[in-house]
Amino acid sequence: MDAVTWIAMELRLPLSADRPALRLGALALGATVLAAALAFAVTLTLLARIEGARAAGRLALYASGIEAELGRVAHLPHVLADDPLVGAVAAGAPPGPLDAKLAGIAARAGVDAIYLMDRSGLTLAASNAGGPGSFVGQSYAFRPYVGDALRGGTGTFFGVGATTRRPGHFIAEPVRDAAGDVAGVLAVKLDLSRLERDWARADEAVRVLNADGITVLTSRDDWRYRPVAALDDATLARLAATRQFGAAAALSDPLPVPAGMLMQPLDGMPWTVGYRPATGRAALWAFAVAGAVALGMALASFAWAGRRAIRATADLRRVEAKEVALRRMNRRLTREVADRQAAEAQLSRAQAELLRAGRLAVLGRVAASVCHELGQPIAAMRNYLHADGTATTETGRRIDDLLDRLDGIARQLRFFARAEPPAMRAVPLDDVLRYAADVLAGEVERLDAVLRLPDAAPTVRGDAGRLEQVAVNLIRNALDALEGAENRIVRVTAARDGDAVVLTIADSGPGLPVPFDAAVEPFFTTRASGEGTGLGLAIAAEIVREHGGTMTARTSDLGGAAFVLRLPPA
């Protein structure tokens, strides 16, 4: 039996040698059906593979986007938990300065909120303090991430905000006291709604499930907070206790994973990302090709060209899709590199500031102890000298001079032990400089030096007593540098420069023998042992910093050192 006979029998066509047209028609019809079926199968298979590869790539892109967004701030709670100001507020210090600091960090890091809780879960300080929906005064002890952090680990949690009613991802770290015990919890809330808006604008079907199978992020509003299957009573009770999804969750209305949705787990998170590609497009193309073939074998050449065009179009789309994905990946990698470099630079600056703050804090504790321990023995020794008349002898006078020196050192150390902020007001620099000149007049005369003050100086905003201490310390250091110099000149200038007042104290001495950062460290001195405490520059630098100003050093045109202070104007 030949092929023509078989086709005719299957189609119930009568065979006759007198009707060759019928035989040819049967053959053409059979060939058309076979060609159309073959074209449909081939086209559907090819386009299905292309759509499958594209869907897998899109799914991987969405998963990496979520991982990048979560990893962007993963280090932030750990760094802030070690901040001395955070530890101080956890120990009972006023939260005002920390509120302002957290607000600035939250704005720069692009997070929804940063807040500090005590061991009971009560919020002590927050970046949104004083505004609507502030976390301050709210207790979040019912949230699992608080308990995880109090037990010494890292707490992570996704849920609807109990105060703001806005969803977010929470990361928490323990705040430890000096003994290493957990004194509180530092938490960061990250808003992930930007990802959902991007997915929705792209008209993509994306769904992120948590460990309970509940939709936490999605491009479709009707999928949000719906589980893939009915939840048991224990899970519902746990979700109600933690208020994870608030009152808006449709937890009793399961929505199974749609057919054809690809799923991929996230690295480091108990989440699964799902993406459903557009369906039906491959079948429509296959039907179109089959219909074109079915028009008749007479149009076989046209159908063949159409199939080649379809294959070429599919290949071109695949190449274009890969190029688009590659460009997006390059842009994303460029942004990630820039973000990481900026984060590393910010982290380095924060670590340097934390190290200096830690050294000053240790110095403050040591200073307080030394001042307390030295005060009474110094006073007692002075009383004993004057009680028995020893003070009038040469030895007594030397001992009295040494006691004066000890008392002076203790007074300087008290600067690092005090905690009160400066009393800020308008202070004329003329008054400050005249005071310093009066105090140091004897030293100027002893050295036969020239102290040049400005004819008129601007007014600054600050604490008069502390600014006088800065002027006295810096001018005294300049005078000390003139020992042995041929020309002994100390020149003080003051002028307004934009949004700051610049005060410059220059001398004709030998200049700074070390970098400025080393010179302002406590107890650094170039004078002989017993002739200086090494605290003058450290105290001056700390007072300027308290006033919101800066202090730097450079080489003076007089040949020595020049200290340049930038202070806020009144």
Protein backbone atom coordinates (compact mmCIF):
# COMPACT_ATOMS: atom_id res chain seq x y z
CA MET A 1 0.00 0.00 0.00
CA ASP A 2 1.47 3.31 -1.10
CA ALA A 3 1.14 6.63 0.75
CA VAL A 4 -1.56 7.98 -1.55
CA THR A 5 -3.75 4.89 -1.05
CA TRP A 6 -3.34 5.10 2.75
CA ILE A 7 -4.30 8.80 2.81
CA ALA A 8 -7.30 8.16 0.67
CA MET A 9 -8.46 5.31 2.91
CA GLU A 10 -7.99 7.35 6.09
CA LEU A 11 -9.98 10.23 4.56
CA ARG A 12 -12.63 7.89 3.21
CA LEU A 13 -11.92 8.97 -0.38
CA PRO A 14 -12.79 6.61 -3.25
CA LEU A 15 -9.87 5.62 -5.45
CA SER A 16 -10.20 5.56 -9.19
CA ALA A 17 -7.66 5.53 -11.95
CA ASP A 18 -10.07 7.72 -13.92
CA ARG A 19 -9.92 10.48 -11.36
CA PRO A 20 -6.23 11.48 -10.93
CA ALA A 21 -7.25 14.92 -9.67
CA LEU A 22 -8.83 13.27 -6.64
CA ARG A 23 -5.66 11.36 -5.96
CA LEU A 24 -3.61 14.53 -6.28
CA GLY A 25 -6.06 16.38 -4.00
CA ALA A 26 -5.85 13.65 -1.39
CA LEU A 27 -2.08 13.69 -1.59
CA ALA A 28 -2.00 17.50 -1.31
CA LEU A 29 -4.44 17.47 1.58
CA GLY A 30 -2.49 14.82 3.43
CA ALA A 31 0.81 16.59 2.79
CA THR A 32 -0.73 19.85 3.94
CA VAL A 33 -2.01 18.32 7.18
CA LEU A 34 1.34 16.67 7.86
CA ALA A 35 3.27 19.84 7.02
CA ALA A 36 0.97 21.99 9.18
CA ALA A 37 1.26 19.55 12.10
CA LEU A 38 5.02 19.39 11.74
CA ALA A 39 5.28 23.20 11.51
CA PHE A 40 3.05 23.62 14.57
CA ALA A 41 5.08 21.14 16.65
CA VAL A 42 8.46 22.56 15.64
CA THR A 43 7.44 26.19 16.16
CA LEU A 44 5.77 25.50 19.52
CA THR A 45 8.83 23.61 20.78
CA LEU A 46 11.26 26.30 19.69
CA LEU A 47 9.30 29.22 21.12
CA ALA A 48 8.61 27.31 24.33
CA ARG A 49 12.36 26.85 24.82
CA ILE A 50 13.01 30.53 24.17
CA GLU A 51 10.27 31.59 26.58
CA GLY A 52 11.57 29.10 29.17
CA ALA A 53 15.12 30.47 28.95
CA ARG A 54 13.85 34.04 29.16
CA ALA A 55 11.66 33.20 32.16
CA ALA A 56 14.58 31.55 33.99
CA GLY A 57 16.71 34.62 33.36
CA ARG A 58 14.00 36.98 34.59
CA LEU A 59 13.50 34.88 37.71
CA ALA A 60 17.25 34.94 38.48
CA LEU A 61 17.28 38.72 37.92
CA TYR A 62 14.41 39.28 40.38
CA ALA A 63 16.03 37.02 42.99
CA SER A 64 19.38 38.83 42.70
CA GLY A 65 17.59 42.19 42.94
CA ILE A 66 15.95 41.21 46.23
CA GLU A 67 19.24 39.82 47.60
CA ALA A 68 21.09 43.02 46.62
CA GLU A 69 18.47 45.25 48.28
CA LEU A 70 18.57 43.23 51.53
CA GLY A 71 22.36 43.02 51.51
CA ARG A 72 22.72 46.76 50.97
CA VAL A 73 22.00 47.56 54.63
CA ALA A 74 22.79 44.21 56.27
CA HIS A 75 25.92 45.67 57.91
CA LEU A 76 24.24 48.84 59.20
CA PRO A 77 22.66 47.50 62.47
CA HIS A 78 25.92 45.75 63.43
CA VAL A 79 27.98 48.93 62.97
CA LEU A 80 25.49 51.16 64.81
CA ALA A 81 25.13 48.71 67.71
CA ASP A 82 28.80 49.38 68.59
CA ASP A 83 28.36 53.19 68.54
CA PRO A 84 29.19 54.66 72.00
CA LEU A 85 26.22 57.05 71.74
CA VAL A 86 23.88 54.10 71.20
CA GLY A 87 25.37 52.33 74.22
CA ALA A 88 25.07 55.49 76.31
CA VAL A 89 21.34 55.92 75.51
CA ALA A 90 20.75 52.23 76.21
CA ALA A 91 22.38 52.84 79.61
CA GLY A 92 20.06 55.77 80.37
CA ALA A 93 21.56 58.86 78.66
CA PRO A 94 19.20 61.46 77.06
CA PRO A 95 18.13 60.28 73.57
CA GLY A 96 18.05 63.68 71.82
CA PRO A 97 21.51 63.57 70.17
CA LEU A 98 20.97 59.96 69.14
CA ASP A 99 17.58 60.80 67.53
CA ALA A 100 19.25 63.41 65.33
CA LYS A 101 22.16 61.11 64.45
CA LEU A 102 19.86 58.20 63.52
CA ALA A 103 17.71 60.53 61.38
CA GLY A 104 20.76 61.58 59.37
CA ILE A 105 22.00 58.01 58.92
CA ALA A 106 18.53 56.78 57.88
CA ALA A 107 18.26 59.49 55.24
CA ARG A 108 21.70 58.74 53.82
CA ALA A 109 21.27 54.95 53.88
CA GLY A 110 17.78 55.11 52.30
CA VAL A 111 16.04 53.09 55.02
CA ASP A 112 12.56 53.61 56.48
CA ALA A 113 13.62 53.84 60.14
CA ILE A 114 16.43 53.15 62.64
CA TYR A 115 15.53 52.78 66.31
CA LEU A 116 16.91 51.67 69.70
CA MET A 117 14.94 49.56 72.20
CA ASP A 118 15.73 48.59 75.77
CA ARG A 119 15.59 45.02 77.07
CA SER A 120 11.82 45.22 77.50
CA GLY A 121 11.31 46.12 73.84
CA LEU A 122 10.44 49.78 74.60
CA THR A 123 11.76 52.22 71.98
CA LEU A 124 14.17 54.77 73.53
CA ALA A 125 15.35 56.63 70.41
CA ALA A 126 14.41 56.60 66.73
CA SER A 127 15.19 58.32 63.45
CA ASN A 128 11.51 59.36 63.20
CA ALA A 129 11.35 60.81 66.73
CA GLY A 130 9.06 63.82 67.03
CA GLY A 131 7.21 63.13 63.77
CA PRO A 132 3.89 61.45 62.99
CA GLY A 133 4.06 57.73 63.58
CA SER A 134 7.16 58.02 65.77
CA PHE A 135 8.47 54.74 67.23
CA VAL A 136 9.62 56.40 70.47
CA GLY A 137 7.64 55.13 73.45
CA GLN A 138 6.26 52.14 71.51
CA SER A 139 6.96 48.58 72.68
CA TYR A 140 7.82 45.92 70.09
CA ALA A 141 8.56 43.08 72.48
CA PHE A 142 5.99 40.94 70.62
CA ARG A 143 8.12 40.98 67.44
CA PRO A 144 10.35 37.89 66.99
CA TYR A 145 13.38 39.90 65.86
CA VAL A 146 13.50 41.63 69.28
CA GLY A 147 13.73 38.31 71.09
CA ASP A 148 16.37 36.99 68.67
CA ALA A 149 18.57 40.07 69.27
CA LEU A 150 18.10 39.93 73.06
CA ARG A 151 19.38 36.36 72.93
CA GLY A 152 22.55 37.66 71.30
CA GLY A 153 21.85 36.82 67.66
CA THR A 154 20.80 38.72 64.54
CA GLY A 155 17.03 39.09 64.23
CA THR A 156 15.30 39.34 60.82
CA PHE A 157 11.58 39.70 60.20
CA PHE A 158 9.16 40.86 57.50
CA GLY A 159 5.86 42.33 58.59
CA VAL A 160 3.42 45.19 58.53
CA GLY A 161 4.53 47.99 60.89
CA ALA A 162 2.60 47.99 64.15
CA THR A 163 2.86 51.81 64.31
CA THR A 164 3.05 52.99 60.69
CA ARG A 165 0.94 50.18 59.12
CA ARG A 166 3.52 50.05 56.33
CA PRO A 167 5.26 46.75 55.51
CA GLY A 168 9.01 46.40 55.75
CA HIS A 169 11.94 44.09 56.42
CA PHE A 170 13.44 44.41 59.92
CA ILE A 171 17.09 43.63 60.85
CA ALA A 172 18.10 43.78 64.55
CA GLU A 173 21.41 43.45 66.43
CA PRO A 174 22.09 43.32 70.20
CA VAL A 175 23.58 46.38 71.93
CA ARG A 176 26.06 45.29 74.58
CA ASP A 177 27.32 47.16 77.64
CA ALA A 178 30.91 47.36 78.85
CA ALA A 179 30.58 43.96 80.53
CA GLY A 180 29.43 42.34 77.27
CA ASP A 181 25.83 41.87 78.43
CA VAL A 182 22.93 42.69 76.12
CA ALA A 183 21.61 46.13 77.14
CA GLY A 184 19.21 46.75 74.26
CA VAL A 185 18.34 46.15 70.61
CA LEU A 186 19.25 48.31 67.58
CA ALA A 187 16.88 47.69 64.62
CA VAL A 188 16.66 48.92 61.01
CA LYS A 189 13.46 48.85 58.93
CA LEU A 190 13.90 48.60 55.15
CA ASP A 191 11.00 49.47 52.83
CA LEU A 192 10.83 46.96 49.92
CA SER A 193 7.76 48.47 48.24
CA ARG A 194 9.99 50.04 45.56
CA LEU A 195 10.66 46.55 44.19
CA GLU A 196 6.93 45.84 44.01
CA ARG A 197 6.30 49.08 42.12
CA ASP A 198 9.04 48.23 39.61
CA TRP A 199 7.54 44.78 39.03
CA ALA A 200 4.05 46.21 38.61
CA ARG A 201 5.24 48.85 36.11
CA ALA A 202 6.90 46.08 34.07
CA ASP A 203 3.58 44.15 34.10
CA GLU A 204 5.37 41.07 35.47
CA ALA A 205 3.75 38.32 37.54
CA VAL A 206 6.13 38.06 40.56
CA ARG A 207 5.37 36.48 43.93
CA VAL A 208 7.68 36.09 46.96
CA LEU A 209 6.67 33.52 49.60
CA ASN A 210 7.99 33.30 53.17
CA ALA A 211 8.63 30.14 55.16
CA ASP A 212 4.88 29.84 55.98
CA GLY A 213 3.98 29.98 52.29
CA ILE A 214 2.48 33.50 52.62
CA THR A 215 2.97 36.08 49.88
CA VAL A 216 5.09 38.92 51.36
CA LEU A 217 6.05 40.75 48.13
CA THR A 218 4.19 40.70 44.81
CA SER A 219 3.42 42.68 41.67
CA ARG A 220 -0.30 41.86 42.02
CA ASP A 221 -2.38 43.49 44.75
CA ASP A 222 -4.84 40.55 44.84
CA TRP A 223 -1.96 38.15 45.71
CA ARG A 224 -0.56 40.14 48.65
CA TYR A 225 -0.50 38.36 52.07
CA ARG A 226 -2.39 35.31 50.73
CA PRO A 227 -1.01 31.84 51.60
CA VAL A 228 -0.58 29.10 49.02
CA ALA A 229 -2.54 26.69 51.25
CA ALA A 230 -4.80 26.84 54.29
CA LEU A 231 -2.87 27.65 57.49
CA ASP A 232 -3.23 25.57 60.65
CA ASP A 233 -4.47 27.04 63.94
CA ALA A 234 -0.99 27.16 65.50
CA THR A 235 0.40 29.21 62.61
CA LEU A 236 -2.58 31.58 62.66
CA ALA A 237 -2.15 32.08 66.42
CA ARG A 238 1.57 32.83 65.97
CA LEU A 239 0.89 35.35 63.20
CA ALA A 240 -1.75 37.04 65.35
CA ALA A 241 0.61 37.23 68.35
CA THR A 242 3.38 38.83 66.30
CA ARG A 243 0.95 41.03 64.29
CA GLN A 244 3.02 40.15 61.27
CA PHE A 245 0.43 41.09 58.64
CA GLY A 246 -1.93 43.31 60.62
CA ALA A 247 -5.64 43.34 59.85
CA ALA A 248 -5.23 43.62 56.07
CA ALA A 249 -4.02 40.06 55.45
CA ALA A 250 -6.27 37.60 53.61
CA LEU A 251 -4.83 34.64 55.51
CA SER A 252 -8.07 32.65 55.32
CA ASP A 253 -8.22 32.88 51.49
CA PRO A 254 -5.49 30.60 50.07
CA LEU A 255 -4.15 31.19 46.56
CA PRO A 256 -2.19 28.21 45.20
CA VAL A 257 0.91 28.75 43.08
CA PRO A 258 -0.35 29.34 39.52
CA ALA A 259 0.43 26.72 36.90
CA GLY A 260 3.60 27.51 35.00
CA MET A 261 5.11 29.75 37.72
CA LEU A 262 8.84 29.16 38.13
CA MET A 263 10.15 29.12 41.74
CA GLN A 264 13.66 29.83 43.09
CA PRO A 265 14.82 30.07 46.76
CA LEU A 266 16.72 33.14 47.98
CA ASP A 267 20.26 32.80 49.36
CA GLY A 268 20.42 33.46 53.10
CA MET A 269 16.66 34.03 53.46
CA PRO A 270 13.76 31.57 54.05
CA TRP A 271 11.99 33.10 51.05
CA THR A 272 11.08 31.69 47.63
CA VAL A 273 10.72 33.88 44.54
CA GLY A 274 8.15 32.94 41.88
CA TYR A 275 7.83 34.28 38.33
CA ARG A 276 5.13 33.34 35.82
CA PRO A 277 5.97 34.11 32.18
CA ALA A 278 3.31 35.22 29.74
CA THR A 279 1.50 32.11 28.39
CA GLY A 280 -0.11 31.42 25.07
CA ARG A 281 2.25 33.46 22.91
CA ALA A 282 4.18 30.42 21.69
CA ALA A 283 0.94 28.55 20.87
CA LEU A 284 -0.44 31.53 18.96
CA TRP A 285 2.72 31.76 16.90
CA ALA A 286 2.60 28.02 16.21
CA PHE A 287 -1.03 28.20 15.09
CA ALA A 288 -0.18 31.12 12.83
CA VAL A 289 2.62 29.15 11.17
CA ALA A 290 0.46 26.07 10.81
CA GLY A 291 -2.34 28.14 9.25
CA ALA A 292 0.08 29.64 6.81
CA VAL A 293 1.27 26.15 5.82
CA ALA A 294 -2.33 24.90 5.58
CA LEU A 295 -3.18 27.45 2.86
CA GLY A 296 -1.91 24.93 0.44
CA MET A 297 1.15 23.31 -0.87
CA ALA A 298 1.00 25.85 -3.65
CA LEU A 299 2.25 28.38 -1.09
CA ALA A 300 4.88 25.97 0.22
CA SER A 301 7.72 28.26 -0.67
CA PHE A 302 6.01 31.13 1.13
CA ALA A 303 5.39 28.96 4.17
CA TRP A 304 9.03 27.82 4.15
CA ALA A 305 10.19 31.43 4.02
CA GLY A 306 7.76 32.27 6.83
CA ARG A 307 9.17 29.58 9.03
CA ARG A 308 12.69 30.84 8.40
CA ALA A 309 11.52 34.37 9.22
CA ILE A 310 9.95 33.15 12.44
CA ARG A 311 13.12 31.32 13.43
CA ALA A 312 15.22 34.37 12.62
CA THR A 313 12.83 36.61 14.60
CA ALA A 314 12.97 34.25 17.55
CA ASP A 315 16.77 34.13 17.43
CA LEU A 316 16.92 37.92 17.16
CA ARG A 317 14.62 38.33 20.13
CA ARG A 318 16.69 35.91 22.14
CA VAL A 319 19.88 37.82 21.28
CA GLU A 320 18.18 41.15 22.05
CA ALA A 321 16.87 39.78 25.33
CA LYS A 322 20.37 38.62 26.29
CA GLU A 323 21.83 42.00 25.32
CA VAL A 324 19.19 43.84 27.36
CA ALA A 325 19.80 41.55 30.33
CA LEU A 326 23.57 42.04 29.99
CA ARG A 327 23.23 45.84 29.86
CA ARG A 328 20.97 45.78 32.90
CA MET A 329 23.37 43.55 34.74
CA ASN A 330 26.30 45.83 33.86
CA ARG A 331 24.39 48.88 35.10
CA ARG A 332 23.38 47.06 38.26
CA LEU A 333 26.94 45.87 38.89
CA THR A 334 28.23 49.41 38.31
CA ARG A 335 25.74 50.76 40.84
CA GLU A 336 26.57 48.00 43.32
CA VAL A 337 30.32 48.70 43.02
CA ALA A 338 29.71 52.42 43.58
CA ASP A 339 27.38 51.69 46.51
CA ARG A 340 29.88 49.28 48.07
CA GLN A 341 32.74 51.74 47.67
CA ALA A 342 30.65 54.50 49.24
CA ALA A 343 29.59 52.16 52.06
CA GLU A 344 33.20 51.10 52.69
CA ALA A 345 34.33 54.74 52.78
CA GLN A 346 31.49 55.63 55.15
CA LEU A 347 32.30 52.60 57.31
CA SER A 348 35.98 53.60 57.48
CA ARG A 349 35.04 57.13 58.55
CA ALA A 350 32.60 55.77 61.12
CA GLN A 351 35.20 53.36 62.49
CA ALA A 352 37.81 56.14 62.78
CA GLU A 353 35.30 58.36 64.57
CA LEU A 354 34.28 55.50 66.87
CA LEU A 355 37.96 54.78 67.66
CA ARG A 356 38.64 58.43 68.57
CA ALA A 357 35.42 58.63 70.59
CA GLY A 358 36.42 55.46 72.40
CA ARG A 359 39.86 56.86 73.26
CA LEU A 360 38.32 60.08 74.57
CA ALA A 361 35.77 58.10 76.57
CA VAL A 362 38.55 56.04 78.20
CA LEU A 363 40.51 59.25 78.84
CA GLY A 364 37.40 60.77 80.43
CA ARG A 365 37.02 57.86 82.82
CA VAL A 366 40.72 57.92 83.70
CA ALA A 367 40.63 61.72 84.11
CA ALA A 368 37.65 61.55 86.47
CA SER A 369 39.39 58.94 88.60
CA VAL A 370 42.72 60.83 88.67
CA CYS A 371 41.04 64.16 89.54
CA HIS A 372 39.10 62.52 92.34
CA GLU A 373 42.15 60.74 93.76
CA LEU A 374 44.54 63.73 93.49
CA GLY A 375 42.24 66.45 94.87
CA GLN A 376 42.26 65.60 98.55
CA PRO A 377 45.99 64.62 98.85
CA ILE A 378 47.02 67.90 97.14
CA ALA A 379 44.85 69.95 99.48
CA ALA A 380 46.13 68.03 102.54
CA MET A 381 49.78 68.44 101.58
CA ARG A 382 49.29 72.19 101.04
CA ASN A 383 47.66 72.47 104.50
CA TYR A 384 50.53 70.59 106.13
CA LEU A 385 53.09 72.92 104.48
CA HIS A 386 51.39 76.05 105.76
CA ALA A 387 50.47 74.60 109.16
CA ASP A 388 54.04 74.06 110.39
CA GLY A 389 55.65 76.96 108.56
CA THR A 390 57.53 74.79 106.06
CA ALA A 391 56.01 76.77 103.18
CA THR A 392 58.36 79.71 103.90
CA THR A 393 61.52 77.61 103.43
CA GLU A 394 63.22 76.99 100.09
CA THR A 395 62.21 73.31 100.16
CA GLY A 396 58.66 74.27 101.10
CA ARG A 397 58.42 76.73 98.22
CA ARG A 398 59.62 74.06 95.78
CA ILE A 399 57.09 71.59 97.14
CA ASP A 400 54.38 74.28 96.89
CA ASP A 401 55.36 74.89 93.24
CA LEU A 402 55.08 71.17 92.54
CA LEU A 403 51.65 71.10 94.19
CA ASP A 404 50.57 74.00 91.96
CA ARG A 405 51.71 72.01 88.94
CA LEU A 406 49.79 68.92 90.08
CA ASP A 407 46.70 71.05 90.67
CA GLY A 408 47.04 72.53 87.16
CA ILE A 409 47.29 69.09 85.60
CA ALA A 410 44.19 67.98 87.52
CA ARG A 411 42.29 71.05 86.27
CA GLN A 412 43.17 70.20 82.68
CA LEU A 413 42.13 66.58 83.16
CA ARG A 414 38.74 67.73 84.48
CA PHE A 415 37.94 68.90 80.94
CA PHE A 416 37.85 65.27 79.76
CA ALA A 417 35.86 64.14 82.79
CA ARG A 418 32.97 66.61 82.49
CA ALA A 419 29.84 65.77 80.47
CA GLU A 420 27.98 69.12 80.38
CA PRO A 421 27.50 70.67 76.90
CA PRO A 422 28.84 74.17 76.13
CA ALA A 423 26.56 77.14 76.89
CA MET A 424 26.21 78.63 73.41
CA ARG A 425 25.73 82.38 72.93
CA ALA A 426 27.18 85.28 70.95
CA VAL A 427 30.84 85.77 72.00
CA PRO A 428 33.04 88.66 70.68
CA LEU A 429 36.41 87.23 69.71
CA ASP A 430 37.99 90.56 70.75
CA ASP A 431 37.08 89.82 74.39
CA VAL A 432 38.40 86.25 74.13
CA LEU A 433 41.75 87.34 72.65
CA ARG A 434 42.20 90.21 75.15
CA TYR A 435 41.59 87.76 78.00
CA ALA A 436 44.22 85.37 76.63
CA ALA A 437 46.70 88.26 76.19
CA ASP A 438 46.16 89.36 79.81
CA VAL A 439 46.66 85.82 81.12
CA LEU A 440 49.86 85.31 79.13
CA ALA A 441 51.30 88.85 79.51
CA GLY A 442 53.95 87.65 81.95
CA GLU A 443 55.07 84.87 79.59
CA VAL A 444 55.26 87.32 76.65
CA GLU A 445 57.40 89.68 78.74
CA ARG A 446 59.65 86.86 79.95
CA LEU A 447 60.37 85.71 76.39
CA ASP A 448 60.69 89.29 75.10
CA ALA A 449 58.21 88.18 72.42
CA VAL A 450 55.76 90.15 70.26
CA LEU A 451 52.06 89.18 70.45
CA ARG A 452 50.07 90.73 67.59
CA LEU A 453 46.29 90.73 67.98
CA PRO A 454 43.79 91.78 65.26
CA ASP A 455 42.41 95.31 65.37
CA ALA A 456 38.85 94.00 65.23
CA ALA A 457 37.56 90.43 65.31
CA PRO A 458 34.09 89.03 64.38
CA THR A 459 31.60 87.62 66.85
CA VAL A 460 31.15 83.85 67.03
CA ARG A 461 28.57 81.55 68.59
CA GLY A 462 29.98 79.52 71.44
CA ASP A 463 30.83 79.17 75.12
CA ALA A 464 32.99 82.13 76.22
CA GLY A 465 34.86 80.23 78.93
CA ARG A 466 35.78 77.34 76.66
CA LEU A 467 36.78 79.60 73.78
CA GLU A 468 39.05 81.49 76.21
CA GLN A 469 40.58 78.14 77.17
CA VAL A 470 41.24 77.38 73.46
CA ALA A 471 42.87 80.81 72.90
CA VAL A 472 45.05 80.54 76.03
CA ASN A 473 46.19 76.97 75.16
CA LEU A 474 47.05 77.75 71.51
CA ILE A 475 48.82 81.06 72.25
CA ARG A 476 50.73 79.46 75.14
CA ASN A 477 51.82 76.63 72.81
CA ALA A 478 52.97 79.23 70.26
CA LEU A 479 54.96 81.06 72.96
CA ASP A 480 56.50 77.77 74.13
CA ALA A 481 57.65 77.14 70.54
CA LEU A 482 59.60 80.46 70.60
CA GLU A 483 62.12 79.24 73.19
CA GLY A 484 65.51 79.61 71.51
CA ALA A 485 64.10 81.30 68.39
CA GLU A 486 65.83 84.40 67.03
CA ASN A 487 62.64 86.24 66.07
CA ARG A 488 59.90 85.71 68.65
CA ILE A 489 56.55 86.63 67.08
CA VAL A 490 53.05 85.29 67.67
CA ARG A 491 50.45 86.66 65.24
CA VAL A 492 46.66 86.22 65.68
CA THR A 493 44.23 87.03 62.82
CA ALA A 494 40.43 86.67 62.64
CA ALA A 495 38.10 87.23 59.66
CA ARG A 496 34.73 86.15 58.30
CA ASP A 497 34.94 83.56 55.49
CA GLY A 498 31.54 82.64 54.05
CA ASP A 499 29.55 80.76 56.66
CA ALA A 500 32.43 80.56 59.16
CA VAL A 501 34.79 82.74 61.17
CA VAL A 502 38.46 81.82 60.59
CA LEU A 503 40.83 82.33 63.55
CA THR A 504 44.55 81.79 62.80
CA ILE A 505 47.34 81.65 65.44
CA ALA A 506 50.80 81.60 63.81
CA ASP A 507 54.30 81.68 65.30
CA SER A 508 57.90 82.07 64.15
CA GLY A 509 59.09 78.91 65.89
CA PRO A 510 60.42 75.68 64.35
CA GLY A 511 56.96 74.34 63.32
CA LEU A 512 55.18 71.07 64.13
CA PRO A 513 57.57 68.09 64.26
CA VAL A 514 54.74 65.55 63.67
CA PRO A 515 51.50 65.40 61.63
CA PHE A 516 48.54 67.34 63.01
CA ASP A 517 46.52 64.20 63.89
CA ALA A 518 49.35 62.98 66.14
CA ALA A 519 49.88 66.42 67.71
CA VAL A 520 46.26 66.62 68.99
CA GLU A 521 46.39 63.22 70.67
CA PRO A 522 46.19 63.52 74.50
CA PHE A 523 49.58 63.63 76.33
CA PHE A 524 51.61 64.39 73.19
CA THR A 525 54.24 67.07 73.92
CA THR A 526 57.57 68.19 72.49
CA ARG A 527 58.68 69.79 75.76
CA ALA A 528 61.05 68.17 78.22
CA SER A 529 59.71 65.76 80.81
CA GLY A 530 58.03 67.64 83.64
CA GLU A 531 57.52 70.84 81.60
CA GLY A 532 54.25 70.05 79.82
CA THR A 533 51.19 67.80 80.12
CA GLY A 534 50.52 67.31 76.40
CA LEU A 535 46.82 68.11 76.91
CA GLY A 536 46.60 71.67 75.54
CA LEU A 537 46.10 70.83 71.84
CA ALA A 538 43.84 67.86 72.64
CA ILE A 539 41.60 70.08 74.79
CA ALA A 540 41.51 72.83 72.16
CA ALA A 541 40.62 70.38 69.36
CA GLU A 542 37.84 68.81 71.43
CA ILE A 543 36.32 72.20 72.36
CA VAL A 544 36.36 73.32 68.70
CA ARG A 545 34.64 70.07 67.70
CA GLU A 546 31.99 70.59 70.42
CA HIS A 547 31.27 73.99 68.85
CA GLY A 548 30.68 72.43 65.43
CA GLY A 549 33.95 73.81 64.06
CA THR A 550 37.24 72.42 62.76
CA MET A 551 40.91 72.87 63.66
CA THR A 552 43.79 72.23 61.27
CA ALA A 553 47.49 73.09 61.14
CA ARG A 554 49.84 74.25 58.41
CA THR A 555 53.19 75.95 57.99
CA SER A 556 53.09 79.65 58.84
CA ASP A 557 54.55 82.36 56.62
CA LEU A 558 56.47 83.35 59.77
CA GLY A 559 58.38 80.08 59.48
CA GLY A 560 56.70 78.17 62.31
CA ALA A 561 53.30 76.53 62.76
CA ALA A 562 49.89 78.08 62.14
CA PHE A 563 46.73 76.65 63.72
CA VAL A 564 43.56 77.50 61.74
CA LEU A 565 40.17 77.34 63.49
CA ARG A 566 36.84 77.58 61.64
CA LEU A 567 34.04 78.54 64.08
CA PRO A 568 30.31 79.15 63.55
CA PRO A 569 29.43 82.87 63.36
CA ALA A 570 26.89 84.43 65.72
